[in-house]
Amino acid sequence: MEARAAVLPGVAGDVPLLTDDVLAWADLLVTLDAVANAARPSLRSGLQHRHYPFEPTPEVDDKPAWSALAGRIRERVEGMIGGLRLMQRASLDDDGL
């Protein structure tokens, strides 16, 4: 299991730009706000999409609000990872039958 992050064209960030090449290896695309959801590329066959609307509404200098938003996103991502791990374990159990 491997997770990668990407940003939309025109968005500054320390992660790669979301391109078809970046998505080529992916099984799941997760968007976290309405802008990302609206701008997501067409999904190829086999690429699933999940959208969790975490709208960035805090004021730019409201660090506690941004920390709370980051915490909610972290919880959602950790939940997704937990679900993927369960699926992986179930797959390994099925292989042993």
N, C-alpha and C. Protein backbone atom coordinates (compact mmCIF):
# COMPACT_ATOMS: atom_id res chain seq x y z
N MET A 1 0.85 -1.16 0.00
CA MET A 1 0.00 0.00 0.00
C MET A 1 0.90 1.23 0.00
N GLU A 2 0.57 2.18 -0.86
CA GLU A 2 1.35 3.40 -0.96
C GLU A 2 0.41 4.57 -1.18
N ALA A 3 0.63 5.62 -0.45
CA ALA A 3 -0.17 6.84 -0.62
C ALA A 3 0.71 7.92 -1.22
N ARG A 4 0.12 8.71 -2.10
CA ARG A 4 0.82 9.84 -2.70
C ARG A 4 -0.12 11.03 -2.71
N ALA A 5 0.44 12.21 -2.58
CA ALA A 5 -0.34 13.44 -2.61
C ALA A 5 0.00 14.21 -3.88
N ALA A 6 -0.94 15.01 -4.35
CA ALA A 6 -0.72 15.85 -5.51
C ALA A 6 -1.61 17.08 -5.40
N VAL A 7 -1.21 18.14 -6.07
CA VAL A 7 -2.00 19.37 -6.09
C VAL A 7 -2.53 19.61 -7.50
N LEU A 8 -3.58 20.40 -7.57
CA LEU A 8 -4.17 20.77 -8.86
C LEU A 8 -3.30 21.81 -9.55
N PRO A 9 -3.36 21.85 -10.87
CA PRO A 9 -2.65 22.91 -11.59
C PRO A 9 -3.06 24.28 -11.05
N GLY A 10 -2.08 25.15 -10.85
CA GLY A 10 -2.33 26.48 -10.35
C GLY A 10 -2.30 26.61 -8.84
N VAL A 11 -2.15 25.49 -8.14
CA VAL A 11 -2.10 25.49 -6.67
C VAL A 11 -0.66 25.29 -6.23
N ALA A 12 -0.19 26.17 -5.37
CA ALA A 12 1.17 26.02 -4.85
C ALA A 12 1.20 24.90 -3.83
N GLY A 13 2.28 24.16 -3.82
CA GLY A 13 2.40 23.09 -2.85
C GLY A 13 3.76 22.42 -2.93
N ASP A 14 4.04 21.64 -1.91
CA ASP A 14 5.31 20.92 -1.85
C ASP A 14 5.19 19.50 -2.39
N VAL A 15 4.11 19.22 -3.07
CA VAL A 15 3.88 17.89 -3.63
C VAL A 15 3.72 18.02 -5.15
N PRO A 16 3.83 16.91 -5.87
CA PRO A 16 3.74 16.97 -7.34
C PRO A 16 2.38 17.48 -7.82
N LEU A 17 2.37 17.92 -9.04
CA LEU A 17 1.15 18.34 -9.72
C LEU A 17 0.35 17.10 -10.10
N LEU A 18 -0.97 17.17 -9.97
CA LEU A 18 -1.83 16.05 -10.34
C LEU A 18 -1.88 15.96 -11.86
N THR A 19 -1.33 14.89 -12.39
CA THR A 19 -1.30 14.64 -13.83
C THR A 19 -1.76 13.22 -14.10
N ASP A 20 -1.96 12.91 -15.36
CA ASP A 20 -2.32 11.54 -15.73
C ASP A 20 -1.22 10.56 -15.33
N ASP A 21 0.03 11.00 -15.46
CA ASP A 21 1.15 10.13 -15.06
C ASP A 21 1.12 9.83 -13.57
N VAL A 22 0.80 10.83 -12.77
CA VAL A 22 0.72 10.63 -11.31
C VAL A 22 -0.41 9.65 -10.98
N LEU A 23 -1.51 9.73 -11.73
CA LEU A 23 -2.67 8.85 -11.49
C LEU A 23 -2.52 7.46 -12.09
N ALA A 24 -1.56 7.27 -12.97
CA ALA A 24 -1.45 6.01 -13.70
C ALA A 24 -1.32 4.80 -12.78
N TRP A 25 -0.65 4.95 -11.66
CA TRP A 25 -0.42 3.82 -10.75
C TRP A 25 -1.55 3.65 -9.73
N ALA A 26 -2.44 4.64 -9.61
CA ALA A 26 -3.40 4.69 -8.50
C ALA A 26 -4.61 3.78 -8.71
N ASP A 27 -5.13 3.28 -7.60
CA ASP A 27 -6.38 2.55 -7.57
C ASP A 27 -7.51 3.41 -7.00
N LEU A 28 -7.12 4.46 -6.24
CA LEU A 28 -8.09 5.30 -5.55
C LEU A 28 -7.63 6.75 -5.59
N LEU A 29 -8.55 7.64 -5.96
CA LEU A 29 -8.32 9.08 -5.93
C LEU A 29 -9.24 9.66 -4.87
N VAL A 30 -8.68 10.41 -3.95
CA VAL A 30 -9.46 11.04 -2.89
C VAL A 30 -9.35 12.55 -3.04
N THR A 31 -10.50 13.22 -3.09
CA THR A 31 -10.52 14.67 -3.11
C THR A 31 -11.07 15.16 -1.78
N LEU A 32 -10.53 16.33 -1.34
CA LEU A 32 -10.86 16.81 0.01
C LEU A 32 -11.58 18.15 0.03
N ASP A 33 -11.88 18.74 -1.12
CA ASP A 33 -12.69 19.96 -1.14
C ASP A 33 -13.41 20.06 -2.48
N ALA A 34 -14.36 20.97 -2.57
CA ALA A 34 -15.20 21.09 -3.76
C ALA A 34 -14.38 21.46 -5.00
N VAL A 35 -13.38 22.30 -4.84
CA VAL A 35 -12.56 22.71 -5.98
C VAL A 35 -11.82 21.50 -6.56
N ALA A 36 -11.22 20.70 -5.69
CA ALA A 36 -10.51 19.51 -6.16
C ALA A 36 -11.47 18.51 -6.80
N ASN A 37 -12.64 18.37 -6.22
CA ASN A 37 -13.63 17.44 -6.77
C ASN A 37 -14.06 17.89 -8.16
N ALA A 38 -14.32 19.18 -8.34
CA ALA A 38 -14.76 19.70 -9.63
C ALA A 38 -13.65 19.62 -10.68
N ALA A 39 -12.40 19.75 -10.26
CA ALA A 39 -11.27 19.79 -11.20
C ALA A 39 -10.63 18.42 -11.44
N ARG A 40 -11.13 17.39 -10.79
CA ARG A 40 -10.48 16.09 -10.94
C ARG A 40 -10.57 15.63 -12.40
N PRO A 41 -9.55 14.92 -12.83
CA PRO A 41 -9.54 14.44 -14.21
C PRO A 41 -10.54 13.31 -14.41
N SER A 42 -10.78 12.98 -15.66
CA SER A 42 -11.62 11.82 -15.96
C SER A 42 -10.98 10.58 -15.36
N LEU A 43 -11.83 9.71 -14.84
CA LEU A 43 -11.32 8.50 -14.20
C LEU A 43 -11.22 7.37 -15.21
N ARG A 44 -10.06 6.77 -15.25
CA ARG A 44 -9.88 5.61 -16.11
C ARG A 44 -10.58 4.41 -15.46
N SER A 45 -10.81 3.38 -16.22
CA SER A 45 -11.41 2.17 -15.70
C SER A 45 -10.55 1.61 -14.57
N GLY A 46 -11.16 1.25 -13.47
CA GLY A 46 -10.44 0.68 -12.34
C GLY A 46 -9.98 1.69 -11.31
N LEU A 47 -10.07 2.98 -11.63
CA LEU A 47 -9.68 4.02 -10.67
C LEU A 47 -10.93 4.50 -9.94
N GLN A 48 -10.99 4.24 -8.64
CA GLN A 48 -12.13 4.66 -7.84
C GLN A 48 -11.91 6.07 -7.30
N HIS A 49 -13.00 6.74 -6.98
CA HIS A 49 -12.92 8.09 -6.44
C HIS A 49 -13.76 8.19 -5.18
N ARG A 50 -13.22 8.83 -4.17
CA ARG A 50 -13.94 9.15 -2.94
C ARG A 50 -13.77 10.64 -2.70
N HIS A 51 -14.85 11.27 -2.30
CA HIS A 51 -14.79 12.71 -2.01
C HIS A 51 -15.22 12.93 -0.57
N TYR A 52 -14.36 13.59 0.18
CA TYR A 52 -14.64 13.96 1.56
C TYR A 52 -14.53 15.47 1.66
N PRO A 53 -15.65 16.18 1.75
CA PRO A 53 -15.64 17.65 1.68
C PRO A 53 -15.15 18.32 2.96
N PHE A 54 -13.88 18.62 2.99
CA PHE A 54 -13.26 19.39 4.07
C PHE A 54 -12.97 20.77 3.53
N GLU A 55 -13.93 21.65 3.59
CA GLU A 55 -13.76 22.97 3.02
C GLU A 55 -12.88 23.84 3.91
N PRO A 56 -11.86 24.45 3.33
CA PRO A 56 -10.95 25.31 4.11
C PRO A 56 -11.57 26.67 4.40
N THR A 57 -12.38 26.74 5.45
CA THR A 57 -13.07 27.98 5.77
C THR A 57 -12.39 28.87 6.81
N PRO A 58 -11.40 28.39 7.56
CA PRO A 58 -10.79 29.27 8.56
C PRO A 58 -10.08 30.47 7.93
N GLU A 59 -9.99 31.54 8.70
CA GLU A 59 -9.20 32.69 8.27
C GLU A 59 -7.75 32.25 8.13
N VAL A 60 -7.03 32.91 7.26
CA VAL A 60 -5.64 32.52 6.97
C VAL A 60 -4.79 32.47 8.22
N ASP A 61 -4.99 33.38 9.14
CA ASP A 61 -4.13 33.44 10.34
C ASP A 61 -4.75 32.74 11.55
N ASP A 62 -5.81 31.97 11.37
CA ASP A 62 -6.48 31.28 12.48
C ASP A 62 -5.88 29.89 12.65
N LYS A 63 -4.71 29.82 13.29
CA LYS A 63 -3.98 28.56 13.42
C LYS A 63 -4.77 27.47 14.15
N PRO A 64 -5.50 27.79 15.24
CA PRO A 64 -6.29 26.72 15.88
C PRO A 64 -7.33 26.11 14.95
N ALA A 65 -7.98 26.93 14.14
CA ALA A 65 -8.99 26.41 13.21
C ALA A 65 -8.34 25.53 12.14
N TRP A 66 -7.17 25.96 11.63
CA TRP A 66 -6.47 25.15 10.64
C TRP A 66 -5.99 23.84 11.27
N SER A 67 -5.55 23.89 12.51
CA SER A 67 -5.12 22.67 13.21
C SER A 67 -6.29 21.71 13.37
N ALA A 68 -7.46 22.25 13.69
CA ALA A 68 -8.65 21.41 13.83
C ALA A 68 -9.02 20.77 12.49
N LEU A 69 -8.96 21.55 11.41
CA LEU A 69 -9.25 21.03 10.08
C LEU A 69 -8.25 19.92 9.72
N ALA A 70 -6.97 20.16 9.97
CA ALA A 70 -5.95 19.15 9.70
C ALA A 70 -6.22 17.88 10.51
N GLY A 71 -6.65 18.03 11.75
CA GLY A 71 -6.97 16.88 12.60
C GLY A 71 -8.11 16.07 12.04
N ARG A 72 -9.17 16.75 11.54
CA ARG A 72 -10.31 16.04 10.94
C ARG A 72 -9.89 15.29 9.68
N ILE A 73 -9.05 15.92 8.87
CA ILE A 73 -8.57 15.26 7.65
C ILE A 73 -7.71 14.05 8.03
N ARG A 74 -6.84 14.22 9.01
CA ARG A 74 -5.98 13.12 9.47
C ARG A 74 -6.83 11.94 9.93
N GLU A 75 -7.89 12.20 10.69
CA GLU A 75 -8.77 11.12 11.16
C GLU A 75 -9.40 10.38 9.99
N ARG A 76 -9.86 11.12 8.98
CA ARG A 76 -10.49 10.50 7.81
C ARG A 76 -9.48 9.63 7.06
N VAL A 77 -8.28 10.16 6.85
CA VAL A 77 -7.25 9.41 6.13
C VAL A 77 -6.84 8.18 6.92
N GLU A 78 -6.67 8.30 8.22
CA GLU A 78 -6.33 7.14 9.04
C GLU A 78 -7.43 6.09 8.99
N GLY A 79 -8.68 6.53 8.93
CA GLY A 79 -9.79 5.59 8.78
C GLY A 79 -9.74 4.85 7.45
N MET A 80 -9.42 5.58 6.38
CA MET A 80 -9.29 4.93 5.07
C MET A 80 -8.16 3.92 5.09
N ILE A 81 -7.03 4.29 5.69
CA ILE A 81 -5.88 3.37 5.76
C ILE A 81 -6.25 2.14 6.57
N GLY A 82 -6.97 2.32 7.67
CA GLY A 82 -7.41 1.18 8.46
C GLY A 82 -8.29 0.24 7.65
N GLY A 83 -9.19 0.81 6.87
CA GLY A 83 -10.05 0.00 6.02
C GLY A 83 -9.27 -0.77 4.96
N LEU A 84 -8.27 -0.11 4.38
CA LEU A 84 -7.43 -0.78 3.38
C LEU A 84 -6.63 -1.91 4.01
N ARG A 85 -6.16 -1.70 5.22
CA ARG A 85 -5.41 -2.76 5.91
C ARG A 85 -6.30 -3.95 6.20
N LEU A 86 -7.54 -3.70 6.60
CA LEU A 86 -8.48 -4.80 6.82
C LEU A 86 -8.71 -5.58 5.54
N MET A 87 -8.88 -4.86 4.43
CA MET A 87 -9.07 -5.53 3.14
C MET A 87 -7.85 -6.35 2.76
N GLN A 88 -6.66 -5.83 3.04
CA GLN A 88 -5.44 -6.55 2.73
C GLN A 88 -5.35 -7.83 3.56
N ARG A 89 -5.65 -7.72 4.86
CA ARG A 89 -5.61 -8.91 5.72
C ARG A 89 -6.63 -9.95 5.27
N ALA A 90 -7.83 -9.48 4.90
CA ALA A 90 -8.85 -10.41 4.42
C ALA A 90 -8.39 -11.11 3.15
N SER A 91 -7.72 -10.38 2.29
CA SER A 91 -7.19 -10.96 1.04
C SER A 91 -6.13 -12.01 1.35
N LEU A 92 -5.25 -11.70 2.30
CA LEU A 92 -4.22 -12.68 2.68
C LEU A 92 -4.84 -13.92 3.29
N ASP A 93 -5.90 -13.74 4.10
CA ASP A 93 -6.59 -14.88 4.69
C ASP A 93 -7.24 -15.74 3.62
N ASP A 94 -7.82 -15.08 2.59
CA ASP A 94 -8.44 -15.82 1.49
C ASP A 94 -7.43 -16.61 0.69
N ASP A 95 -6.22 -16.08 0.55
CA ASP A 95 -5.16 -16.76 -0.19
C ASP A 95 -4.73 -18.05 0.50
N GLY A 96 -4.88 -18.11 1.82
CA GLY A 96 -4.43 -19.27 2.58
C GLY A 96 -5.44 -20.40 2.58
N LEU A 97 -6.61 -20.21 2.02
CA LEU A 97 -7.63 -21.26 2.02
C LEU A 97 -7.34 -22.35 1.06
